[in-house]
């Protein structure tokens, strides 16, 4: 009877809408970083829905096998639900409670929470026994996906789009949609701009979204407007350490390393285990290394390089699958002649797709681009550089990195033609470049030239 009861409870649990049924894509290696980010948001951001983050933290605790701690977070969420009357959102918390009790073997307690969900669904007029089709539930699903990382972003966008079809002017739904639009935009174009502007208009007190808008404005060259949002955020007494990281990113991209570093160090004092912050610090020192490339002050460059390497090492220690931290560390090592170490780090980044799933195409292309540039300019191996550029281009996603790969391939092929190096192959590569650019006339001219060169060397051809 107990087994039959367990099966019946499990059958009902599957019908719930909560973190246990939302198919959040998470790998074990992602969990420590996610847990740290949840803690940072709960401590430093003035978030309107603490219940949401407590629910997510409870789910993470369960994944770690810490069900008692999961229940403690859910109890906190329940207390806030009773105090603030969350309506449909309470269904997520009760659903999570039911699942945790089920996994702990407490079928009676699991059933109690199932009954709570069922009664609330009935009161709110849902045609379903254990779930509701409403904008709030879809929104909660979207936020859970958004917080769980990049492999969940497309699903998050779908959820926020659904919620917005029901309530187009809801501030929270627009905020979620703007954030995910920003994170999945890799083209530095205007697409997320209108969503960010609307989110700022509907959430005028949210400094974090204003900084994201500033970053997007910076991307597209609207510097004065971007600066105004940054100054507004910094002048606010409510600006938190969590927001400093994004402001520092703005200053680093602007080239103001002296402004970026203090902000990152302040943020790091509050979140010393943040791999992202160590990565951002590494990028600042990385930029200093590149700025000193033509300087005669080699000790200063080496000092900046050593600091960058230390920060990148800490970043990958905290987040072992941080592929771009390995790449940036390799670039710095190459600048100071540590080629063996640079090669090892490039190989770690190149192997990421084999080790972990869901490596985004533009990042895989970027790894091939940067490794190709390293081979070309540091190792003087044009053949290996060309191989890397071609591999990146073969991934067939025509984004901003793809265009950089195409430019790099054109430059090395043009140089080889000018230097009369493997003339047939180099000329053919220029034909390929123009073909990929969509310039068929130019492509044909280069291919015909390559054929003529081949014919001169081999009459039988």
Protein backbone atom coordinates (compact mmCIF):
# COMPACT_ATOMS: atom_id res chain seq x y z
CA UNK A 1 0.00 0.00 0.00
CA UNK A 2 2.86 2.37 0.84
CA UNK A 3 4.42 1.86 -2.60
CA UNK A 4 1.06 2.45 -4.28
CA UNK A 5 0.60 5.61 -2.18
CA UNK A 6 4.04 6.83 -3.17
CA UNK A 7 3.24 6.26 -6.83
CA UNK A 8 -0.02 8.20 -6.53
CA UNK A 9 1.67 11.12 -4.80
CA UNK A 10 4.42 11.15 -7.46
CA UNK A 11 1.77 11.14 -10.21
CA UNK A 12 0.19 14.24 -8.68
CA UNK A 13 3.51 15.96 -8.02
CA UNK A 14 4.39 15.79 -11.71
CA UNK A 15 1.35 17.99 -12.44
CA UNK A 16 2.69 20.85 -10.30
CA UNK A 17 4.28 23.98 -11.78
CA UNK A 18 7.46 24.58 -9.80
CA UNK A 19 11.25 24.26 -9.97
CA UNK A 20 11.07 20.46 -9.81
CA UNK A 21 8.98 20.25 -12.99
CA UNK A 22 10.37 23.16 -15.02
CA UNK A 23 13.28 21.20 -16.53
CA UNK A 24 15.91 23.76 -15.56
CA UNK A 25 19.18 22.95 -17.36
CA UNK A 26 21.85 22.80 -14.67
CA UNK A 27 25.05 20.82 -14.47
CA UNK A 28 26.75 19.98 -11.16
CA UNK A 29 29.63 22.26 -12.04
CA UNK A 30 27.24 25.25 -12.37
CA UNK A 31 25.66 24.88 -8.93
CA UNK A 32 28.27 26.58 -6.66
CA UNK A 33 28.30 29.71 -8.84
CA UNK A 34 24.49 29.80 -9.00
CA UNK A 35 24.25 29.46 -5.24
CA UNK A 36 26.71 32.32 -4.75
CA UNK A 37 24.75 34.55 -7.14
CA UNK A 38 21.49 33.81 -5.33
CA UNK A 39 23.07 34.77 -2.00
CA UNK A 40 24.46 37.99 -3.51
CA UNK A 41 21.06 39.00 -4.87
CA UNK A 42 19.31 38.26 -1.58
CA UNK A 43 21.90 40.24 0.37
CA UNK A 44 22.74 43.16 -1.90
CA UNK A 45 19.89 43.76 -4.34
CA UNK A 46 16.69 45.44 -3.29
CA UNK A 47 14.68 42.75 -5.03
CA UNK A 48 10.90 42.92 -4.91
CA UNK A 49 10.39 39.19 -4.80
CA UNK A 50 12.59 37.62 -2.17
CA UNK A 51 10.26 34.62 -2.23
CA UNK A 52 11.40 33.84 -5.78
CA UNK A 53 15.06 33.69 -4.80
CA UNK A 54 14.33 31.65 -1.66
CA UNK A 55 12.49 29.12 -3.83
CA UNK A 56 15.42 28.89 -6.23
CA UNK A 57 17.90 28.54 -3.39
CA UNK A 58 15.76 25.76 -1.89
CA UNK A 59 15.85 23.91 -5.22
CA UNK A 60 19.65 24.30 -5.38
CA UNK A 61 19.96 23.00 -1.82
CA UNK A 62 17.92 19.95 -2.83
CA UNK A 63 20.20 19.32 -5.82
CA UNK A 64 23.12 19.33 -3.38
CA UNK A 65 21.36 16.76 -1.20
CA UNK A 66 20.66 19.32 1.53
CA UNK A 67 16.90 18.84 1.92
CA UNK A 68 16.75 20.14 5.50
CA UNK A 69 18.32 23.42 4.35
CA UNK A 70 15.93 23.44 1.38
CA UNK A 71 12.97 23.21 3.76
CA UNK A 72 14.34 26.05 5.87
CA UNK A 73 14.42 28.33 2.81
CA UNK A 74 10.90 27.27 1.88
CA UNK A 75 9.68 28.01 5.41
CA UNK A 76 11.05 31.53 5.05
CA UNK A 77 9.26 31.83 1.71
CA UNK A 78 6.01 30.53 3.23
CA UNK A 79 6.19 33.08 6.04
CA UNK A 80 6.52 35.88 3.48
CA UNK A 81 3.65 34.46 1.44
CA UNK A 82 1.32 34.57 4.46
CA UNK A 83 2.44 38.11 5.23
CA UNK A 84 2.18 39.54 1.72
CA UNK A 85 -0.60 37.45 0.10
CA UNK A 86 1.17 36.36 -3.08
CA UNK A 87 -1.82 34.60 -4.67
CA UNK A 88 -0.85 32.42 -7.61
CA UNK A 89 2.86 32.69 -6.81
CA UNK A 90 2.31 30.78 -3.57
CA UNK A 91 1.63 27.71 -5.73
CA UNK A 92 5.34 27.58 -6.66
CA UNK A 93 6.46 27.53 -3.04
CA UNK A 94 3.89 24.93 -2.01
CA UNK A 95 4.80 22.81 -5.03
CA UNK A 96 8.46 22.90 -4.04
CA UNK A 97 7.54 22.02 -0.44
CA UNK A 98 5.57 19.01 -1.66
CA UNK A 99 8.50 17.75 -3.73
CA UNK A 100 11.09 18.16 -0.96
CA UNK A 101 8.89 16.32 1.55
CA UNK A 102 8.35 13.57 -1.03
CA UNK A 103 12.10 13.13 -1.50
CA UNK A 104 12.53 13.05 2.27
CA UNK A 105 9.98 10.24 2.48
CA UNK A 106 7.28 12.34 4.19
CA UNK A 107 4.32 11.40 1.99
CA UNK A 108 1.72 12.79 4.39
CA UNK A 109 3.39 16.24 4.40
CA UNK A 110 3.79 16.12 0.64
CA UNK A 111 0.06 15.41 0.36
CA UNK A 112 -0.70 18.35 2.67
CA UNK A 113 1.00 20.73 0.25
CA UNK A 114 -0.65 19.07 -2.73
CA UNK A 115 -3.99 19.74 -1.02
CA UNK A 116 -3.02 23.42 -0.54
CA UNK A 117 -2.26 23.74 -4.23
CA UNK A 118 -5.46 21.93 -5.22
CA UNK A 119 -7.66 24.08 -2.98
CA UNK A 120 -6.08 27.32 -4.21
CA UNK A 121 -6.45 26.28 -7.86
CA UNK A 122 -10.12 25.52 -7.18
CA UNK A 123 -10.66 28.88 -5.44
CA UNK A 124 -9.02 30.76 -8.31
CA UNK A 125 -11.14 28.96 -10.89
CA UNK A 126 -8.44 26.88 -12.56
CA UNK A 127 -9.70 24.02 -14.74
CA UNK A 128 -6.65 22.04 -13.64
CA UNK A 129 -6.31 20.24 -10.34
CA UNK A 130 -2.70 21.13 -9.54
CA UNK A 131 -1.77 24.00 -11.85
CA UNK A 132 -2.91 27.32 -13.28
CA UNK A 133 -2.49 28.86 -16.70
CA UNK A 134 -1.82 32.49 -15.80
CA UNK A 135 0.72 35.22 -16.48
CA UNK A 136 2.18 35.11 -12.94
CA UNK A 137 3.04 31.42 -13.14
CA UNK A 138 4.58 31.79 -16.60
CA UNK A 139 6.57 34.78 -15.30
CA UNK A 140 7.88 32.77 -12.33
CA UNK A 141 8.97 30.03 -14.73
CA UNK A 142 10.76 32.64 -16.86
CA UNK A 143 12.68 34.09 -13.91
CA UNK A 144 13.77 30.62 -12.75
CA UNK A 145 15.13 29.89 -16.24
CA UNK A 146 16.84 33.31 -16.45
CA UNK A 147 18.61 32.85 -13.11
CA UNK A 148 19.83 29.35 -14.03
CA UNK A 149 22.16 30.53 -16.77
CA UNK A 150 22.67 30.93 -20.46
CA UNK A 151 21.56 27.45 -21.51
CA UNK A 152 18.07 28.40 -20.27
CA UNK A 153 17.79 31.85 -21.88
CA UNK A 154 15.74 30.88 -24.93
CA UNK A 155 13.18 29.16 -22.71
CA UNK A 156 13.10 32.22 -20.43
CA UNK A 157 12.41 34.51 -23.37
CA UNK A 158 9.50 32.31 -24.47
CA UNK A 159 8.01 32.49 -20.96
CA UNK A 160 8.28 36.28 -20.72
CA UNK A 161 6.79 36.67 -24.20
CA UNK A 162 3.79 34.57 -23.11
CA UNK A 163 3.37 36.60 -19.92
CA UNK A 164 3.53 39.88 -21.86
CA UNK A 165 0.83 38.79 -24.28
CA UNK A 166 -1.46 38.65 -21.22
CA UNK A 167 -0.19 41.82 -19.48
CA UNK A 168 1.87 43.98 -21.90
CA UNK A 169 2.53 46.80 -19.39
CA UNK A 170 3.45 44.70 -16.37
CA UNK A 171 6.73 46.15 -14.98
CA UNK A 172 8.12 42.83 -13.74
CA UNK A 173 7.41 40.92 -16.95
CA UNK A 174 9.00 43.69 -19.02
CA UNK A 175 12.03 43.70 -16.72
CA UNK A 176 12.57 39.96 -17.17
CA UNK A 177 12.11 40.16 -20.93
CA UNK A 178 14.55 43.09 -21.25
CA UNK A 179 17.22 41.27 -19.23
CA UNK A 180 17.04 38.06 -21.25
CA UNK A 181 16.96 40.06 -24.52
CA UNK A 182 20.14 41.85 -23.42
CA UNK A 183 21.89 38.60 -22.48
CA UNK A 184 21.15 36.78 -25.73
CA UNK A 185 22.03 39.72 -28.00
CA UNK A 186 25.56 39.30 -29.36
CA UNK A 187 25.32 41.67 -32.30
CA UNK A 188 25.67 45.05 -30.52
CA UNK A 189 22.55 46.26 -32.30
CA UNK A 190 19.31 48.02 -31.42
CA UNK A 191 17.11 44.96 -30.88
CA UNK A 192 17.12 44.87 -27.04
CA UNK A 193 17.25 48.68 -26.76
CA UNK A 194 13.49 49.25 -26.98
CA UNK A 195 12.86 46.55 -24.37
CA UNK A 196 15.45 48.02 -22.00
CA UNK A 197 13.99 51.51 -22.42
CA UNK A 198 10.51 50.22 -21.65
CA UNK A 199 11.76 48.27 -18.63
CA UNK A 200 13.47 51.42 -17.29
CA UNK A 201 10.29 53.45 -17.82
CA UNK A 202 8.17 50.88 -15.97
CA UNK A 203 10.78 50.28 -13.21
CA UNK A 204 12.12 53.79 -12.53
CA UNK A 205 13.64 52.84 -9.14
CA UNK A 206 15.62 49.88 -10.47
CA UNK A 207 19.24 51.05 -10.86
CA UNK A 208 20.42 47.69 -12.15
CA UNK A 209 18.29 47.82 -15.29
CA UNK A 210 19.43 51.41 -15.91
CA UNK A 211 23.05 50.24 -15.94
CA UNK A 212 22.16 47.47 -18.41
CA UNK A 213 20.57 50.13 -20.60
CA UNK A 214 23.77 52.19 -20.31
CA UNK A 215 25.84 49.18 -21.45
CA UNK A 216 23.59 48.69 -24.47
CA UNK A 217 23.76 52.42 -25.32
CA UNK A 218 27.55 52.17 -25.07
CA UNK A 219 27.47 49.23 -27.50
CA UNK A 220 25.74 51.27 -30.17
CA UNK A 221 27.71 54.48 -29.67
CA UNK A 222 25.21 56.61 -27.71
CA UNK A 223 27.88 57.61 -25.20
CA UNK A 224 26.34 60.74 -23.68
CA UNK A 225 23.05 59.05 -22.83
CA UNK A 226 24.88 56.01 -21.48
CA UNK A 227 27.03 58.20 -19.23
CA UNK A 228 23.94 59.91 -17.79
CA UNK A 229 22.53 56.58 -16.55
CA UNK A 230 25.89 55.58 -15.05
CA UNK A 231 26.19 58.89 -13.21
CA UNK A 232 22.62 58.54 -11.95
CA UNK A 233 23.36 55.07 -10.58
CA UNK A 234 26.59 56.13 -8.86
CA UNK A 235 25.00 59.21 -7.31
CA UNK A 236 22.18 57.18 -5.78
CA UNK A 237 22.51 56.24 -2.13
CA UNK A 238 20.74 52.96 -2.92
CA UNK A 239 23.40 51.81 -5.41
CA UNK A 240 24.54 48.39 -4.19
CA UNK A 241 27.73 46.36 -4.58
CA UNK A 242 25.87 44.07 -7.00
CA UNK A 243 25.41 47.00 -9.39
CA UNK A 244 29.07 48.06 -9.15
CA UNK A 245 30.14 45.09 -11.27
CA UNK A 246 28.08 46.29 -14.23
CA UNK A 247 29.22 49.90 -13.81
CA UNK A 248 32.83 48.67 -13.71
CA UNK A 249 32.24 46.79 -16.96
CA UNK A 250 31.05 50.05 -18.52
CA UNK A 251 34.21 51.90 -17.43
CA UNK A 252 36.51 49.05 -18.47
CA UNK A 253 35.04 49.00 -21.98
CA UNK A 254 35.42 52.79 -22.07
CA UNK A 255 39.11 52.39 -21.23
CA UNK A 256 38.82 54.01 -17.78
CA UNK A 257 40.58 51.24 -15.87
CA UNK A 258 41.31 53.60 -12.97
CA UNK A 259 37.55 53.96 -12.42
CA UNK A 260 36.70 50.31 -12.99
CA UNK A 261 39.20 48.75 -10.58
CA UNK A 262 38.02 50.45 -7.34
CA UNK A 263 34.40 49.48 -8.07
CA UNK A 264 35.36 45.86 -8.68
CA UNK A 265 37.44 45.70 -5.51
CA UNK A 266 34.52 47.10 -3.50
CA UNK A 267 32.20 44.54 -5.02
CA UNK A 268 34.74 41.78 -4.36
CA UNK A 269 34.89 42.69 -0.66
CA UNK A 270 31.20 41.87 -0.46
CA UNK A 271 31.40 38.78 -2.74
CA UNK A 272 34.91 37.29 -2.47
CA UNK A 273 33.83 34.00 -4.06
CA UNK A 274 32.54 35.56 -7.27
CA UNK A 275 34.28 34.06 -10.29
CA UNK A 276 32.67 36.73 -12.44
CA UNK A 277 34.26 39.56 -10.41
CA UNK A 278 37.71 37.97 -10.60
CA UNK A 279 37.20 37.61 -14.36
CA UNK A 280 36.25 41.29 -14.68
CA UNK A 281 39.35 42.28 -12.69
CA UNK A 282 41.41 40.05 -14.97
CA UNK A 283 39.96 41.82 -18.02
CA UNK A 284 40.99 45.19 -16.58
CA UNK A 285 44.59 44.07 -16.11
CA UNK A 286 44.44 42.32 -19.51
CA UNK A 287 43.59 45.68 -21.06
CA UNK A 288 46.50 47.32 -19.26
CA UNK A 289 48.83 44.65 -20.67
CA UNK A 290 47.65 45.39 -24.20
CA UNK A 291 47.92 49.15 -23.65
CA UNK A 292 51.55 48.68 -22.58
CA UNK A 293 52.37 46.46 -25.57
CA UNK A 294 54.33 49.22 -27.35
CA UNK A 295 55.63 50.81 -24.16
CA UNK A 296 59.26 50.65 -23.08
CA UNK A 297 58.08 50.08 -19.51
CA UNK A 298 58.26 46.30 -19.66
CA UNK A 299 58.28 45.84 -15.85
CA UNK A 300 54.90 47.61 -15.68
CA UNK A 301 53.51 45.36 -18.41
CA UNK A 302 54.79 42.23 -16.67
CA UNK A 303 53.32 43.36 -13.36
CA UNK A 304 49.92 43.94 -14.98
CA UNK A 305 50.22 40.55 -16.71
CA UNK A 306 50.96 38.72 -13.47
CA UNK A 307 47.99 40.41 -11.79
CA UNK A 308 45.73 39.48 -14.72
CA UNK A 309 46.89 35.85 -14.61
CA UNK A 310 46.22 35.65 -10.85
CA UNK A 311 42.69 36.98 -11.33
CA UNK A 312 41.93 34.61 -14.23
CA UNK A 313 43.32 31.67 -12.24
CA UNK A 314 40.99 32.53 -9.38
CA UNK A 315 38.07 32.87 -11.81
CA UNK A 316 38.56 29.37 -13.26
CA UNK A 317 39.13 27.93 -9.80
CA UNK A 318 35.70 29.22 -8.79
CA UNK A 319 34.08 28.51 -12.19
CA UNK A 320 35.98 25.66 -13.91
CA UNK A 321 34.00 25.92 -17.15
CA UNK A 322 34.70 29.65 -17.61
CA UNK A 323 36.05 29.20 -21.13
CA UNK A 324 36.79 32.87 -21.89
CA UNK A 325 38.83 33.20 -18.67
CA UNK A 326 41.15 30.48 -20.00
CA UNK A 327 41.38 32.28 -23.35
CA UNK A 328 42.12 35.70 -21.83
CA UNK A 329 44.70 34.18 -19.50
CA UNK A 330 46.38 32.54 -22.50
CA UNK A 331 46.47 35.87 -24.36
CA UNK A 332 48.20 37.56 -21.42
CA UNK A 333 50.67 34.69 -21.06
CA UNK A 334 51.48 34.97 -24.77
CA UNK A 335 52.26 38.68 -24.35
CA UNK A 336 54.97 37.92 -21.78
CA UNK A 337 56.39 34.90 -23.61
CA UNK A 338 54.83 32.11 -21.53
CA UNK A 339 53.90 30.13 -24.64
CA UNK A 340 53.73 26.70 -23.04
CA UNK A 341 51.24 27.94 -20.45
CA UNK A 342 49.31 29.88 -23.11
CA UNK A 343 49.01 26.79 -25.31
CA UNK A 344 47.74 24.71 -22.37
CA UNK A 345 45.02 27.26 -21.58
CA UNK A 346 43.94 27.60 -25.21
CA UNK A 347 43.60 23.81 -25.37
CA UNK A 348 41.43 23.81 -22.23
CA UNK A 349 39.14 26.34 -23.86
CA UNK A 350 39.07 24.43 -27.17
CA UNK A 351 38.11 21.24 -25.32
CA UNK A 352 35.18 22.88 -23.53
CA UNK A 353 32.62 21.70 -26.06
CA UNK A 354 33.77 18.12 -25.63
CA UNK A 355 33.69 18.37 -21.83
CA UNK A 356 30.48 20.35 -21.38
CA UNK A 357 27.33 20.69 -23.42
CA UNK A 358 25.65 23.93 -24.40
CA UNK A 359 28.74 25.97 -25.32
CA UNK A 360 27.25 28.83 -27.29
CA UNK A 361 28.23 29.01 -30.95
CA UNK A 362 29.56 32.59 -30.82
CA UNK A 363 31.84 31.65 -27.91
CA UNK A 364 33.16 28.58 -29.69
CA UNK A 365 33.84 30.78 -32.73
CA UNK A 366 35.57 33.36 -30.53
CA UNK A 367 37.89 30.71 -29.11
CA UNK A 368 38.91 29.64 -32.62
CA UNK A 369 39.40 33.30 -33.62
CA UNK A 370 41.63 34.13 -30.66
CA UNK A 371 43.62 30.93 -30.92
CA UNK A 372 44.11 31.64 -34.61
CA UNK A 373 45.38 35.15 -33.86
CA UNK A 374 47.75 33.68 -31.28
CA UNK A 375 49.09 31.19 -33.84
CA UNK A 376 49.46 33.91 -36.46
CA UNK A 377 51.14 36.68 -34.47
CA UNK A 378 52.84 34.91 -31.56
CA UNK A 379 53.74 31.50 -33.00
CA UNK A 380 54.15 32.71 -36.62
CA UNK A 381 52.15 29.74 -37.88
CA UNK A 382 49.91 31.01 -40.65
CA UNK A 383 48.81 27.47 -41.55
CA UNK A 384 47.44 26.80 -38.05
CA UNK A 385 45.86 30.26 -37.95
CA UNK A 386 44.04 29.59 -41.25
CA UNK A 387 42.88 26.20 -39.92
CA UNK A 388 41.38 27.87 -36.83
CA UNK A 389 39.65 30.60 -38.85
CA UNK A 390 38.15 28.03 -41.21
CA UNK A 391 36.94 25.90 -38.30
CA UNK A 392 35.23 28.91 -36.75
CA UNK A 393 33.62 29.90 -40.06
CA UNK A 394 32.40 26.34 -40.61
CA UNK A 395 30.10 26.66 -37.58
CA UNK A 396 27.81 28.64 -39.89
CA UNK A 397 26.36 31.16 -37.44
CA UNK A 398 26.83 34.52 -39.11
CA UNK A 399 27.28 36.77 -36.09
CA UNK A 400 29.79 39.48 -35.18
CA UNK A 401 32.49 36.89 -34.34
CA UNK A 402 31.92 35.16 -37.67
CA UNK A 403 32.59 38.47 -39.42
CA UNK A 404 35.82 38.92 -37.41
CA UNK A 405 36.89 35.42 -38.48
CA UNK A 406 36.21 36.31 -42.09
CA UNK A 407 38.27 39.51 -41.78
CA UNK A 408 41.17 37.65 -40.13
CA UNK A 409 41.15 35.01 -42.88
CA UNK A 410 41.13 37.71 -45.57
CA UNK A 411 44.08 39.50 -43.96
CA UNK A 412 46.28 36.41 -43.73
CA UNK A 413 45.37 35.28 -47.26
CA UNK A 414 46.08 38.76 -48.69
CA UNK A 415 49.42 38.85 -46.91
CA UNK A 416 50.37 35.44 -48.32
CA UNK A 417 49.41 36.48 -51.85
CA UNK A 418 51.53 39.63 -51.49
CA UNK A 419 54.47 37.54 -50.25
CA UNK A 420 53.91 34.88 -52.96
CA UNK A 421 53.33 32.15 -50.38
CA UNK A 422 51.34 29.12 -51.65
CA UNK A 423 49.80 31.34 -54.25
CA UNK A 424 47.10 28.94 -55.50
CA UNK A 425 45.86 28.13 -52.00
CA UNK A 426 46.00 31.76 -50.84
CA UNK A 427 44.17 33.01 -53.92
CA UNK A 428 41.51 30.32 -53.46
CA UNK A 429 41.06 31.44 -49.85
CA UNK A 430 40.36 34.97 -51.06
CA UNK A 431 37.77 33.47 -53.40
CA UNK A 432 36.17 31.75 -50.40
CA UNK A 433 36.22 34.99 -48.40
CA UNK A 434 34.34 36.86 -51.12
CA UNK A 435 31.93 33.97 -51.59
CA UNK A 436 31.07 34.06 -47.88
CA UNK A 437 30.68 37.83 -48.08
CA UNK A 438 28.09 37.29 -50.80
CA UNK A 439 30.25 38.92 -53.51
CA UNK A 440 30.01 36.22 -56.19
CA UNK A 441 31.64 38.28 -58.94
CA UNK A 442 34.81 38.91 -56.88
CA UNK A 443 34.79 35.28 -55.70
CA UNK A 444 34.70 33.99 -59.29
CA UNK A 445 37.60 36.23 -60.28
CA UNK A 446 39.80 34.85 -57.47
CA UNK A 447 38.80 31.25 -58.20
CA UNK A 448 39.54 31.72 -61.92
CA UNK A 449 42.90 33.25 -61.07
CA UNK A 450 43.69 30.27 -58.84
CA UNK A 451 42.74 27.89 -61.66
CA UNK A 452 44.99 29.72 -64.12
CA UNK A 453 47.88 29.51 -61.66
CA UNK A 454 47.25 25.79 -61.23
CA UNK A 455 47.11 25.31 -64.99
CA UNK A 456 50.47 27.05 -65.48
CA UNK A 457 52.10 24.73 -62.96
CA UNK A 458 50.35 21.58 -64.17
CA UNK A 459 49.48 21.58 -67.94
CA UNK A 460 47.48 18.36 -67.61
CA UNK A 461 45.02 20.14 -65.28
